[in-house]
Amino acid sequence: MALTLSANRTDLYFTHISSLSLFHRPTFERRVYVELTPEQASALMASMFCLAARYVEGNQASSNGTIFDSRVDPARFYHVALDAAHRLLRNRGDGPPPLFLLQALILTTYHELIRSVQGVAWRSLGALIRLAYEVGLHLVDLPSRSANGDADSVDVWITKEEKRRVWWTIWELEVFATTIRRCPMGMDQTQQATLLPVADMYWFEGKKASSCFLESDPTLRWKALQNSGNENGRTWFIVINSLMRDAHYLSNPSVPQVRDQGRGGNEGKMASAQIASQLAILDNCVSCFGMALPHQLQYRPGPSSHSSLDSTTRKRECDKQVIHAMLQLAKLMILHNDCFRNDPPPTSDESSSDSRTNGVWPKYLHAAEQVVSIARDASPNHISDGDPLLPNIFWMVAAIQIVQATFAGAESDKLVAQSNLDLLRLILMRHRDFWNTSSILVENLRKLENTMDSIQGRVTAKNHRTPPSPVEGITYDSEFIPACNPYSPNVDLDREESAISGVQPNMILDDSVFSLSSGDDYCSTIIGEPAADIALGMSMEAIMSEIWEHANQNDLFFDIDILGGFNDL
């Protein structure tokens, strides 16, 4: 690959890839042309071009994906970069890899994660984490544990800052992938001593600036960052991302809690109470974070036109979008435990809890609407110049709109939800076309709509039946699918597909309670609860439980994903 032809494409990378900041721009050319060998430079630049090549003039987007000139096809650069990076890594033997090699592998892994978090990307990310630990990126600031680095020379500080960015970029990718796959993180947040990155302006100009560590205690994170004076947008994103991850961990544990129905049954209630307390604390932390957010990073609804602005302003606009979206996602994770919990049917003295649960749904919808506003107000170029991982949040919110469009009590609410869905679906389609990603996100929205129609038909038919007396119980028996993960053993995907339209859940009907039950767990609601404002007398808890019991596995939202772990019902 001729390095003499690469300058223009390098500029394309730094202009358009606003979600990553790995390279010290003032010294980048010196590194490529002087410090690295031609083979090393080719590996690094090919990894950059696998992202930047799609911006080359002449490439055209179509309904079948972007049509690339074969000379600038991102897939070509991806394979060149991957082959070269792995060859260089093998040549290192047992020696630690140089930093540029980690940067190249970050970009190829990023390219893979944009497509999906399945096997290839998942394994690449795991190897990347091991390499980061091997070179000690988790301990960049260990010797002094100083938050300002005053003892370091400017050159040393610049070098350390580059290492910090590599570490925290890998951390971001790790949070993204493990959240979707509902897996534990491989990076131990309590065992790291690497400062959060500062703004590019200070790094590029060689002006040392203070920062802080990511505190293990969530109540201290926003305080430490605010007190440090660090107003770097990506750093504030890291903090809200960490709060979202904590909320997801509590609401969607990798190993579901087993309820003990015997003498130790109170232990489950105690654990649930502890989780509720921790989520309440996180809720306060998220609110404090929003109020502490620097003025220039606060999102304000309104049409954006940052496509015409310089790359620095464009990056700041991107940061504002992803921070606001992640803040809303954190709220959704916190509310999830109340919206879609799986508790036994309430006794008479517990009926107030259902009012509380149903009252959470409007808050859930409000957080989702805030994400819709990001999509609505985004600039024309937000798909190409924004964060390519952001549409995964859009998919989740689109799924919520499908539920609302089907079951909202007011016709006007249904129409608004359907309109929101149309907008988000179009964005997902444009994202698919530009980034050449899998079409599974768009396809699964259609499958989810079919599932909702099936549920609505069954519930409508149920409501037209003559209800039995409370003594008599009418039960429609069926088998529940144990899991919807196509990569789990003993799961028949054809059988799972037929379940969307053919399998009816166990319905235990009496005068006041409609239950979707399986084994010892229940998802129930009081019919006619006004706070829910849901047609057909169903709470969102019951609706969502059946959706994710029967809906197909989503490619980017793995193993029933962040919408809920209902495969364990």
Protein backbone atom coordinates (compact mmCIF):
# COMPACT_ATOMS: atom_id res chain seq x y z
CA MET A 1 0.00 0.00 0.00
CA ALA A 2 1.54 3.25 -1.10
CA LEU A 3 1.89 5.58 1.85
CA THR A 4 2.27 8.55 -0.49
CA LEU A 5 -1.41 8.21 -1.44
CA SER A 6 -2.67 8.02 2.13
CA ALA A 7 -2.64 11.65 3.29
CA ASN A 8 -6.11 12.42 1.97
CA ARG A 9 -7.62 9.32 3.57
CA THR A 10 -5.88 10.14 6.83
CA ASP A 11 -7.61 13.51 6.80
CA LEU A 12 -10.92 11.73 6.15
CA TYR A 13 -10.37 9.63 9.25
CA PHE A 14 -9.64 12.58 11.53
CA THR A 15 -12.51 14.58 10.03
CA HIS A 16 -15.28 12.00 10.23
CA ILE A 17 -14.44 9.44 12.93
CA SER A 18 -15.56 11.56 15.85
CA SER A 19 -16.33 8.74 18.30
CA LEU A 20 -12.67 7.72 18.73
CA SER A 21 -9.64 9.77 19.76
CA LEU A 22 -6.62 7.49 19.81
CA PHE A 23 -3.89 9.41 18.00
CA HIS A 24 -1.83 12.50 18.86
CA ARG A 25 -2.61 14.49 15.74
CA PRO A 26 0.39 16.89 15.79
CA THR A 27 2.91 14.03 15.76
CA PHE A 28 0.94 11.46 13.79
CA GLU A 29 2.75 11.93 10.44
CA ARG A 30 6.13 11.72 12.15
CA ARG A 31 5.13 8.43 13.73
CA VAL A 32 3.89 6.95 10.46
CA TYR A 33 6.68 8.12 8.16
CA VAL A 34 9.66 8.16 10.56
CA GLU A 35 9.15 6.02 13.64
CA LEU A 36 7.37 3.00 12.14
CA THR A 37 8.63 0.59 9.52
CA PRO A 38 6.68 0.45 6.24
CA GLU A 39 5.01 -2.79 7.32
CA GLN A 40 4.02 -1.33 10.69
CA ALA A 41 2.75 1.89 9.11
CA SER A 42 0.74 -0.07 6.55
CA ALA A 43 -0.96 -2.09 9.29
CA LEU A 44 -1.88 1.03 11.24
CA MET A 45 -3.13 3.04 8.30
CA ALA A 46 -5.08 0.15 6.80
CA SER A 47 -6.91 -0.16 10.12
CA MET A 48 -7.81 3.53 9.93
CA PHE A 49 -8.95 3.22 6.32
CA CYS A 50 -11.29 0.32 7.07
CA LEU A 51 -13.38 3.02 8.77
CA ALA A 52 -12.45 6.07 6.68
CA ALA A 53 -12.64 4.55 3.18
CA ARG A 54 -16.43 4.81 3.10
CA TYR A 55 -16.06 8.60 3.05
CA VAL A 56 -14.06 8.63 -0.18
CA GLU A 57 -15.83 10.59 -2.90
CA GLY A 58 -17.43 8.29 -5.44
CA ASN A 59 -18.73 5.71 -2.98
CA GLN A 60 -22.51 5.67 -3.17
CA ALA A 61 -25.07 4.43 -0.69
CA SER A 62 -27.93 2.29 -1.96
CA SER A 63 -30.69 0.13 -0.52
CA ASN A 64 -28.32 -2.83 -0.88
CA GLY A 65 -25.57 -1.11 1.04
CA THR A 66 -22.85 1.33 0.05
CA ILE A 67 -21.33 0.64 -3.36
CA PHE A 68 -17.55 0.92 -3.02
CA ASP A 69 -14.82 1.33 -5.55
CA SER A 70 -12.81 -1.88 -5.18
CA ARG A 71 -9.68 0.17 -4.53
CA VAL A 72 -11.21 1.83 -1.47
CA ASP A 73 -13.48 -0.92 -0.17
CA PRO A 74 -13.43 -0.86 3.67
CA ALA A 75 -13.51 -4.67 3.71
CA ARG A 76 -10.27 -4.76 1.72
CA PHE A 77 -8.50 -2.46 4.17
CA TYR A 78 -9.93 -4.44 7.09
CA HIS A 79 -8.42 -7.71 5.85
CA VAL A 80 -5.10 -6.04 5.04
CA ALA A 81 -4.96 -4.49 8.51
CA LEU A 82 -5.98 -7.67 10.30
CA ASP A 83 -3.49 -9.87 8.46
CA ALA A 84 -0.66 -7.40 8.99
CA ALA A 85 -1.47 -6.83 12.67
CA HIS A 86 -1.64 -10.55 13.45
CA ARG A 87 1.61 -11.15 11.59
CA LEU A 88 3.34 -8.40 13.55
CA LEU A 89 1.90 -9.76 16.78
CA ARG A 90 3.19 -13.26 16.05
CA ASN A 91 6.62 -11.82 15.33
CA ARG A 92 6.69 -10.34 18.84
CA GLY A 93 6.82 -13.81 20.34
CA ASP A 94 6.53 -13.46 24.11
CA GLY A 95 7.38 -9.78 24.01
CA PRO A 96 4.71 -7.15 24.71
CA PRO A 97 3.12 -5.50 21.66
CA PRO A 98 3.87 -1.85 20.86
CA LEU A 99 1.12 0.70 21.37
CA PHE A 100 0.47 1.29 17.65
CA LEU A 101 -0.42 -2.39 17.29
CA LEU A 102 -3.10 -2.11 19.98
CA GLN A 103 -4.43 0.98 18.23
CA ALA A 104 -4.66 -0.92 14.94
CA LEU A 105 -6.43 -3.84 16.61
CA ILE A 106 -8.85 -1.45 18.34
CA LEU A 107 -9.90 -0.11 14.94
CA THR A 108 -10.35 -3.53 13.36
CA THR A 109 -12.31 -4.69 16.41
CA TYR A 110 -14.41 -1.53 16.24
CA HIS A 111 -15.13 -2.34 12.59
CA GLU A 112 -16.32 -5.79 13.69
CA LEU A 113 -18.43 -4.53 16.58
CA ILE A 114 -20.27 -2.11 14.32
CA ARG A 115 -21.53 -5.17 12.45
CA SER A 116 -22.41 -7.27 15.51
CA VAL A 117 -21.10 -8.50 18.87
CA GLN A 118 -21.10 -12.12 17.87
CA GLY A 119 -18.19 -14.55 17.61
CA VAL A 120 -15.55 -12.70 15.59
CA ALA A 121 -15.90 -9.33 17.31
CA TRP A 122 -16.35 -10.92 20.74
CA ARG A 123 -13.14 -12.94 20.44
CA SER A 124 -11.21 -9.99 19.02
CA LEU A 125 -12.29 -7.86 21.97
CA GLY A 126 -11.19 -10.55 24.42
CA ALA A 127 -7.73 -10.69 22.86
CA LEU A 128 -7.53 -6.91 22.92
CA ILE A 129 -8.24 -6.83 26.65
CA ARG A 130 -5.49 -9.37 27.30
CA LEU A 131 -3.03 -7.27 25.30
CA ALA A 132 -3.98 -4.14 27.23
CA TYR A 133 -3.26 -5.86 30.52
CA GLU A 134 -0.04 -7.30 29.11
CA VAL A 135 1.39 -3.85 28.44
CA GLY A 136 0.09 -2.45 31.74
CA LEU A 137 -2.44 0.04 30.40
CA HIS A 138 -4.51 -0.45 33.54
CA LEU A 139 -1.65 0.95 35.64
CA VAL A 140 -0.51 3.97 33.62
CA ASP A 141 -0.75 6.30 36.65
CA LEU A 142 0.00 3.82 39.41
CA PRO A 143 3.40 5.07 40.66
CA SER A 144 2.08 8.34 42.06
CA ARG A 145 -1.71 7.91 41.90
CA SER A 146 -1.63 11.62 41.18
CA ALA A 147 -4.58 13.15 39.39
CA ASN A 148 -2.62 15.96 37.75
CA GLY A 149 0.70 14.40 36.74
CA ASP A 150 2.70 17.51 37.70
CA ALA A 151 5.83 15.42 38.20
CA ASP A 152 5.88 14.31 34.55
CA SER A 153 7.53 16.23 31.75
CA VAL A 154 5.28 17.36 28.90
CA ASP A 155 6.57 14.62 26.59
CA VAL A 156 5.97 11.94 29.22
CA TRP A 157 2.50 13.31 29.93
CA ILE A 158 1.63 13.25 26.21
CA THR A 159 2.79 9.63 25.97
CA LYS A 160 0.80 8.64 29.04
CA GLU A 161 -2.29 10.40 27.73
CA GLU A 162 -2.14 8.32 24.56
CA LYS A 163 -2.01 5.16 26.65
CA ARG A 164 -4.96 6.34 28.74
CA ARG A 165 -7.02 6.80 25.60
CA VAL A 166 -6.21 3.31 24.37
CA TRP A 167 -7.23 1.82 27.73
CA TRP A 168 -10.50 3.70 28.03
CA THR A 169 -11.46 3.08 24.40
CA ILE A 170 -11.10 -0.65 25.01
CA TRP A 171 -13.15 -0.21 28.19
CA GLU A 172 -15.93 1.49 26.20
CA LEU A 173 -16.02 -1.36 23.69
CA GLU A 174 -16.05 -3.86 26.55
CA VAL A 175 -19.04 -2.20 28.22
CA PHE A 176 -20.89 -2.09 24.91
CA ALA A 177 -20.33 -5.76 24.08
CA THR A 178 -20.84 -7.24 27.55
CA THR A 179 -24.02 -5.24 28.11
CA ILE A 180 -25.53 -6.57 24.91
CA ARG A 181 -24.44 -10.14 25.58
CA ARG A 182 -25.34 -9.97 29.29
CA CYS A 183 -21.90 -11.23 30.25
CA PRO A 184 -19.52 -10.18 33.04
CA MET A 185 -16.85 -7.68 32.13
CA GLY A 186 -13.31 -8.89 31.62
CA MET A 187 -11.84 -5.57 32.82
CA ASP A 188 -11.84 -5.16 36.59
CA GLN A 189 -12.84 -1.61 37.40
CA THR A 190 -11.54 -1.91 40.96
CA GLN A 191 -8.06 -2.96 39.80
CA GLN A 192 -6.96 -0.07 37.63
CA ALA A 193 -4.97 3.11 38.12
CA THR A 194 -5.32 4.97 34.85
CA LEU A 195 -6.62 8.52 34.73
CA LEU A 196 -9.57 9.44 32.56
CA PRO A 197 -8.51 11.27 29.35
CA VAL A 198 -8.52 15.05 29.06
CA ALA A 199 -9.75 17.18 26.16
CA ASP A 200 -7.96 16.86 22.81
CA MET A 201 -7.11 20.54 22.86
CA TYR A 202 -4.83 20.17 25.90
CA TRP A 203 -3.28 16.96 24.61
CA PHE A 204 -2.53 18.31 21.15
CA GLU A 205 -1.11 21.57 22.49
CA GLY A 206 0.98 19.86 25.17
CA LYS A 207 -0.77 21.65 28.03
CA LYS A 208 -0.94 19.37 31.03
CA ALA A 209 -4.41 19.24 32.53
CA SER A 210 -5.78 17.55 35.62
CA SER A 211 -8.15 14.63 35.54
CA CYS A 212 -9.38 11.94 37.91
CA PHE A 213 -9.81 8.19 38.22
CA LEU A 214 -13.07 6.36 37.64
CA GLU A 215 -14.18 5.74 41.21
CA SER A 216 -15.53 2.32 42.17
CA ASP A 217 -18.23 3.98 44.29
CA PRO A 218 -20.86 5.33 41.86
CA THR A 219 -21.77 8.14 44.26
CA LEU A 220 -18.23 9.52 43.93
CA ARG A 221 -17.78 9.32 40.16
CA TRP A 222 -19.53 12.46 39.06
CA LYS A 223 -18.13 14.35 42.06
CA ALA A 224 -14.54 13.37 41.27
CA LEU A 225 -14.94 14.34 37.63
CA GLN A 226 -16.60 17.65 38.45
CA ASN A 227 -13.94 18.51 41.04
CA SER A 228 -11.12 17.69 38.62
CA GLY A 229 -12.24 20.33 36.15
CA ASN A 230 -11.99 17.83 33.28
CA GLU A 231 -14.67 18.79 30.74
CA ASN A 232 -13.71 16.31 28.03
CA GLY A 233 -16.94 15.06 26.46
CA ARG A 234 -15.75 11.50 26.04
CA THR A 235 -14.74 11.33 29.69
CA TRP A 236 -18.19 12.41 30.83
CA PHE A 237 -19.56 9.76 28.49
CA ILE A 238 -17.39 7.14 30.21
CA VAL A 239 -18.84 8.08 33.60
CA ILE A 240 -22.50 7.91 32.51
CA ASN A 241 -21.69 4.72 30.62
CA SER A 242 -20.36 3.21 33.85
CA LEU A 243 -23.56 4.15 35.70
CA MET A 244 -25.64 2.56 32.95
CA ARG A 245 -23.54 -0.58 33.20
CA ASP A 246 -24.04 -0.75 36.98
CA ALA A 247 -27.80 -0.40 36.55
CA HIS A 248 -27.85 -3.07 33.87
CA TYR A 249 -25.86 -5.41 36.09
CA LEU A 250 -28.44 -5.03 38.87
CA SER A 251 -31.52 -5.23 36.65
CA ASN A 252 -30.27 -7.94 34.28
CA PRO A 253 -27.80 -10.17 36.15
CA SER A 254 -25.88 -12.70 34.09
CA VAL A 255 -26.92 -15.39 36.58
CA PRO A 256 -30.62 -14.90 37.45
CA GLN A 257 -31.49 -14.97 41.11
CA VAL A 258 -33.20 -18.22 42.10
CA ARG A 259 -36.19 -17.68 44.33
CA ASP A 260 -36.30 -20.04 47.29
CA GLN A 261 -39.89 -21.00 48.02
CA GLY A 262 -39.03 -22.78 51.28
CA ARG A 263 -37.97 -21.50 54.64
CA GLY A 264 -35.38 -19.24 53.07
CA GLY A 265 -37.92 -17.48 50.90
CA ASN A 266 -37.29 -14.21 52.72
CA GLU A 267 -33.73 -14.19 51.40
CA GLY A 268 -35.02 -13.47 47.91
CA LYS A 269 -37.09 -10.57 49.21
CA MET A 270 -34.08 -9.19 51.08
CA ALA A 271 -31.93 -9.43 47.97
CA SER A 272 -34.63 -7.68 45.94
CA ALA A 273 -34.82 -4.93 48.55
CA GLN A 274 -31.05 -4.46 48.40
CA ILE A 275 -31.16 -4.23 44.61
CA ALA A 276 -33.98 -1.70 44.83
CA SER A 277 -31.90 0.41 47.24
CA GLN A 278 -28.85 0.27 44.98
CA LEU A 279 -30.94 1.23 41.97
CA ALA A 280 -32.40 4.16 43.91
CA ILE A 281 -28.86 5.35 44.65
CA LEU A 282 -27.93 4.99 40.98
CA ASP A 283 -31.05 6.93 40.03
CA ASN A 284 -29.84 9.81 42.20
CA CYS A 285 -26.34 9.53 40.74
CA VAL A 286 -27.70 9.77 37.20
CA SER A 287 -29.74 12.84 38.15
CA CYS A 288 -26.72 14.46 39.79
CA PHE A 289 -24.62 13.64 36.74
CA GLY A 290 -27.12 15.42 34.51
CA MET A 291 -27.04 18.54 36.68
CA ALA A 292 -23.23 18.51 37.00
CA LEU A 293 -22.68 18.12 33.25
CA PRO A 294 -20.63 21.05 31.86
CA HIS A 295 -22.70 23.63 30.02
CA GLN A 296 -21.15 22.95 26.61
CA LEU A 297 -22.00 19.23 26.89
CA GLN A 298 -25.65 19.64 27.84
CA TYR A 299 -28.06 18.48 25.18
CA ARG A 300 -30.76 20.93 24.18
CA PRO A 301 -33.56 19.77 21.88
CA GLY A 302 -33.64 21.50 18.55
CA PRO A 303 -32.53 20.91 14.97
CA SER A 304 -28.79 20.45 14.59
CA SER A 305 -26.73 21.47 11.57
CA HIS A 306 -23.27 20.49 12.73
CA SER A 307 -22.52 18.87 9.36
CA SER A 308 -21.30 22.28 8.22
CA LEU A 309 -19.04 22.86 11.22
CA ASP A 310 -15.38 22.05 11.80
CA SER A 311 -14.33 18.63 13.07
CA THR A 312 -13.83 19.85 16.65
CA THR A 313 -17.35 21.26 16.90
CA ARG A 314 -18.70 18.21 15.11
CA LYS A 315 -17.06 15.98 17.71
CA ARG A 316 -18.53 18.01 20.56
CA GLU A 317 -22.00 17.69 19.02
CA CYS A 318 -21.48 13.94 18.74
CA ASP A 319 -20.42 13.81 22.40
CA LYS A 320 -23.56 15.68 23.44
CA GLN A 321 -25.74 13.21 21.57
CA VAL A 322 -24.17 10.05 22.96
CA ILE A 323 -24.02 11.43 26.52
CA HIS A 324 -27.71 12.30 26.43
CA ALA A 325 -28.61 8.96 24.86
CA MET A 326 -26.57 7.05 27.44
CA LEU A 327 -28.12 9.07 30.27
CA GLN A 328 -31.58 8.03 29.06
CA LEU A 329 -30.44 4.43 28.65
CA ALA A 330 -29.20 4.48 32.25
CA LYS A 331 -32.67 5.61 33.34
CA LEU A 332 -34.25 2.80 31.33
CA MET A 333 -31.97 0.29 33.03
CA ILE A 334 -32.87 1.66 36.46
CA LEU A 335 -36.61 1.64 35.74
CA HIS A 336 -36.42 -1.79 34.15
CA ASN A 337 -36.42 -3.56 37.51
CA ASP A 338 -39.79 -2.02 38.41
CA CYS A 339 -41.33 -2.12 34.93
CA PHE A 340 -40.58 -5.72 34.05
CA ARG A 341 -39.92 -7.55 37.28
CA ASN A 342 -41.07 -11.14 37.71
CA ASP A 343 -42.77 -11.35 41.09
CA PRO A 344 -45.43 -13.71 42.41
CA PRO A 345 -48.99 -12.38 42.17
CA PRO A 346 -49.48 -9.77 44.90
CA THR A 347 -51.48 -10.44 48.00
CA SER A 348 -54.08 -7.92 49.11
CA ASP A 349 -51.59 -6.05 51.24
CA GLU A 350 -49.10 -5.90 48.38
CA SER A 351 -51.47 -4.49 45.77
CA SER A 352 -49.93 -1.06 46.15
CA SER A 353 -46.75 -2.36 44.56
CA ASP A 354 -48.61 -2.84 41.29
CA SER A 355 -49.65 0.79 41.31
CA ARG A 356 -46.03 1.69 41.78
CA THR A 357 -44.97 -0.63 38.96
CA ASN A 358 -47.56 0.68 36.52
CA GLY A 359 -46.69 4.24 37.51
CA VAL A 360 -43.11 3.65 36.38
CA TRP A 361 -44.14 3.00 32.78
CA PRO A 362 -44.75 6.71 31.95
CA LYS A 363 -41.23 7.48 33.20
CA TYR A 364 -39.92 4.65 31.04
CA LEU A 365 -41.73 6.10 28.03
CA HIS A 366 -40.39 9.58 28.79
CA ALA A 367 -36.79 8.34 28.78
CA ALA A 368 -37.46 6.58 25.48
CA GLU A 369 -38.99 9.76 24.04
CA GLN A 370 -35.81 11.65 24.95
CA VAL A 371 -33.86 9.24 22.76
CA VAL A 372 -36.38 9.74 19.95
CA SER A 373 -35.77 13.49 20.22
CA ILE A 374 -32.06 12.89 19.53
CA ALA A 375 -32.97 11.08 16.33
CA ARG A 376 -35.53 13.72 15.43
CA ASP A 377 -33.16 16.68 15.90
CA ALA A 378 -29.99 15.09 14.53
CA SER A 379 -28.11 16.64 11.63
CA PRO A 380 -28.40 15.17 8.13
CA ASN A 381 -24.95 13.61 8.53
CA HIS A 382 -25.40 12.13 11.99
CA ILE A 383 -25.30 8.55 10.69
CA SER A 384 -22.02 9.00 8.85
CA ASP A 385 -20.33 11.38 11.30
CA GLY A 386 -21.82 10.24 14.60
CA ASP A 387 -21.18 7.26 16.82
CA PRO A 388 -21.90 4.09 14.78
CA LEU A 389 -22.81 2.18 17.95
CA LEU A 390 -25.60 4.64 18.85
CA PRO A 391 -28.26 2.93 16.65
CA ASN A 392 -28.27 0.00 19.05
CA ILE A 393 -29.97 2.28 21.57
CA PHE A 394 -32.33 3.39 18.81
CA TRP A 395 -33.33 -0.24 18.27
CA MET A 396 -34.26 -0.67 21.91
CA VAL A 397 -36.36 2.48 21.86
CA ALA A 398 -37.98 1.38 18.59
CA ALA A 399 -39.04 -1.85 20.30
CA ILE A 400 -40.63 0.19 23.08
CA GLN A 401 -42.53 2.19 20.45
CA ILE A 402 -43.93 -1.03 18.99
CA VAL A 403 -45.33 -1.96 22.40
CA GLN A 404 -46.82 1.50 22.88
CA ALA A 405 -48.27 1.60 19.35
CA THR A 406 -50.04 -1.70 19.99
CA PHE A 407 -51.27 -1.37 23.56
CA ALA A 408 -51.53 2.33 24.40
CA GLY A 409 -54.96 3.22 25.72
CA ALA A 410 -55.35 6.47 23.75
CA GLU A 411 -55.42 6.47 19.96
CA SER A 412 -53.28 9.62 19.87
CA ASP A 413 -50.58 7.85 21.90
CA LYS A 414 -50.63 4.98 19.42
CA LEU A 415 -50.21 7.35 16.48
CA VAL A 416 -47.27 9.16 18.10
CA ALA A 417 -45.59 5.85 18.90
CA GLN A 418 -46.08 4.62 15.33
CA SER A 419 -44.60 7.85 13.99
CA ASN A 420 -41.61 7.50 16.33
CA LEU A 421 -41.19 3.93 15.12
CA ASP A 422 -41.19 5.03 11.47
CA LEU A 423 -38.42 7.54 12.22
CA LEU A 424 -36.25 5.08 14.14
CA ARG A 425 -36.76 2.33 11.59
CA LEU A 426 -35.62 4.63 8.78
CA ILE A 427 -32.51 5.59 10.76
CA LEU A 428 -31.68 1.92 11.30
CA MET A 429 -32.09 1.29 7.58
CA ARG A 430 -29.84 4.23 6.69
CA HIS A 431 -27.29 3.03 9.24
CA ARG A 432 -27.38 -0.45 7.70
CA ASP A 433 -26.88 0.99 4.22
CA PHE A 434 -24.00 3.31 5.15
CA TRP A 435 -22.06 0.96 7.44
CA ASN A 436 -22.94 -2.21 5.51
CA THR A 437 -24.05 -3.91 8.69
CA SER A 438 -26.36 -6.86 9.10
CA SER A 439 -30.03 -6.24 8.35
CA ILE A 440 -31.06 -8.22 11.42
CA LEU A 441 -31.98 -5.11 13.43
CA VAL A 442 -34.51 -3.98 10.85
CA GLU A 443 -35.79 -7.52 10.28
CA ASN A 444 -36.31 -8.11 13.98
CA LEU A 445 -38.43 -5.00 14.29
CA ARG A 446 -40.78 -6.53 11.75
CA LYS A 447 -40.78 -9.84 13.63
CA LEU A 448 -41.48 -8.00 16.86
CA GLU A 449 -44.45 -6.24 15.26
CA ASN A 450 -45.81 -9.62 14.16
CA THR A 451 -45.36 -10.88 17.72
CA MET A 452 -47.29 -7.93 19.09
CA ASP A 453 -50.13 -8.52 16.64
CA SER A 454 -50.28 -12.14 17.75
CA ILE A 455 -50.35 -11.18 21.43
CA GLN A 456 -53.01 -8.56 20.83
CA GLY A 457 -55.19 -11.09 19.01
CA ARG A 458 -54.88 -13.65 21.79
CA VAL A 459 -55.61 -11.13 24.51
CA THR A 460 -58.59 -9.74 22.61
CA ALA A 461 -59.97 -13.26 22.26
CA LYS A 462 -59.37 -13.87 25.96
CA ASN A 463 -61.23 -10.73 26.97
CA HIS A 464 -64.28 -11.86 24.99
CA ARG A 465 -64.51 -15.10 26.95
CA THR A 466 -66.94 -15.37 29.85
CA PRO A 467 -64.75 -15.21 32.95
CA PRO A 468 -65.08 -18.13 35.36
CA SER A 469 -65.67 -17.82 39.04
CA PRO A 470 -62.61 -17.24 41.22
CA VAL A 471 -62.84 -20.84 42.38
CA GLU A 472 -62.60 -22.15 38.83
CA GLY A 473 -59.36 -21.55 37.00
CA ILE A 474 -59.13 -21.80 33.26
CA THR A 475 -55.64 -22.70 32.11
CA TYR A 476 -54.46 -22.97 28.52
CA ASP A 477 -51.48 -25.26 28.64
CA SER A 478 -48.44 -24.89 26.46
CA GLU A 479 -44.73 -25.41 26.59
CA PHE A 480 -42.54 -22.40 27.21
CA ILE A 481 -39.32 -22.11 25.30
CA PRO A 482 -36.47 -22.20 27.84
CA ALA A 483 -34.27 -19.72 26.00
CA CYS A 484 -34.20 -17.61 22.88
CA ASN A 485 -30.45 -17.64 22.35
CA PRO A 486 -29.74 -19.45 19.07
CA TYR A 487 -26.20 -20.15 20.24
CA SER A 488 -27.33 -22.07 23.30
CA PRO A 489 -27.45 -25.88 23.04
CA ASN A 490 -30.77 -27.69 22.60
CA VAL A 491 -32.61 -24.71 21.13
CA ASP A 492 -34.63 -25.37 17.97
CA LEU A 493 -34.80 -22.11 16.05
CA ASP A 494 -37.58 -23.31 13.75
CA ARG A 495 -39.63 -24.22 16.81
CA GLU A 496 -38.81 -20.85 18.31
CA GLU A 497 -39.96 -19.07 15.14
CA SER A 498 -43.27 -20.93 15.16
CA ALA A 499 -43.75 -19.92 18.78
CA ILE A 500 -44.17 -16.31 17.75
CA SER A 501 -47.51 -17.01 16.13
CA GLY A 502 -48.53 -20.46 17.31
CA VAL A 503 -47.85 -20.98 21.01
CA GLN A 504 -50.21 -19.65 23.61
CA PRO A 505 -48.88 -19.05 27.11
CA ASN A 506 -50.31 -20.44 30.28
CA MET A 507 -53.14 -18.06 31.06
CA ILE A 508 -54.60 -18.24 34.54
CA LEU A 509 -57.70 -16.09 34.58
CA ASP A 510 -59.82 -14.93 37.46
CA ASP A 511 -61.87 -11.83 38.20
CA SER A 512 -58.94 -9.49 38.61
CA VAL A 513 -55.63 -10.98 37.57
CA PHE A 514 -54.22 -11.89 34.17
CA SER A 515 -51.07 -13.93 34.60
CA LEU A 516 -48.43 -15.19 32.21
CA SER A 517 -46.88 -17.95 34.23
CA SER A 518 -44.11 -20.48 33.79
CA GLY A 519 -42.95 -22.68 36.62
CA ASP A 520 -42.50 -20.77 39.85
CA ASP A 521 -42.23 -17.31 38.31
CA TYR A 522 -45.14 -15.03 37.52
CA CYS A 523 -45.78 -11.90 35.56
CA SER A 524 -49.15 -10.57 36.63
CA THR A 525 -51.17 -7.41 36.60
CA ILE A 526 -54.36 -6.10 38.09
CA ILE A 527 -56.86 -5.63 35.26
CA GLY A 528 -58.14 -2.11 34.89
CA GLU A 529 -55.22 -0.45 36.67
CA PRO A 530 -55.68 3.17 35.50
CA ALA A 531 -52.08 4.20 36.00
CA ALA A 532 -50.91 1.86 33.26
CA ASP A 533 -53.11 3.44 30.57
CA ILE A 534 -52.73 0.28 28.53
CA ALA A 535 -55.53 -1.16 26.40
CA LEU A 536 -56.82 -4.71 26.92
CA GLY A 537 -56.23 -4.60 30.66
CA MET A 538 -52.59 -5.70 30.55
CA SER A 539 -49.61 -4.14 32.28
CA MET A 540 -46.37 -3.57 30.44
CA GLU A 541 -44.86 -6.21 32.71
CA ALA A 542 -47.11 -8.91 31.27
CA ILE A 543 -46.81 -7.68 27.70
CA MET A 544 -43.03 -7.45 27.66
CA SER A 545 -42.63 -10.80 29.38
CA GLU A 546 -44.50 -12.58 26.63
CA ILE A 547 -42.71 -10.65 23.89
CA TRP A 548 -39.27 -11.64 25.04
CA GLU A 549 -40.39 -15.16 25.86
CA HIS A 550 -41.35 -15.72 22.23
CA ALA A 551 -39.56 -13.13 20.11
CA ASN A 552 -36.55 -14.12 18.05
CA GLN A 553 -33.01 -13.48 19.23
CA ASN A 554 -31.68 -10.12 18.09
CA ASP A 555 -28.28 -10.10 16.47
CA LEU A 556 -26.95 -6.98 18.16
CA PHE A 557 -29.00 -7.39 21.31
CA PHE A 558 -27.71 -10.76 22.37
CA ASP A 559 -29.43 -13.23 24.68
CA ILE A 560 -32.64 -11.27 25.20
CA ASP A 561 -30.39 -8.24 25.47
CA ILE A 562 -30.87 -5.10 27.44
CA LEU A 563 -34.62 -5.17 27.06
CA GLY A 564 -34.90 -7.88 29.64
CA GLY A 565 -33.83 -11.35 30.68
CA PHE A 566 -37.11 -13.08 30.18
CA ASN A 567 -35.55 -16.29 28.89
CA ASP A 568 -35.29 -17.38 32.52
CA LEU A 569 -39.04 -17.26 33.14
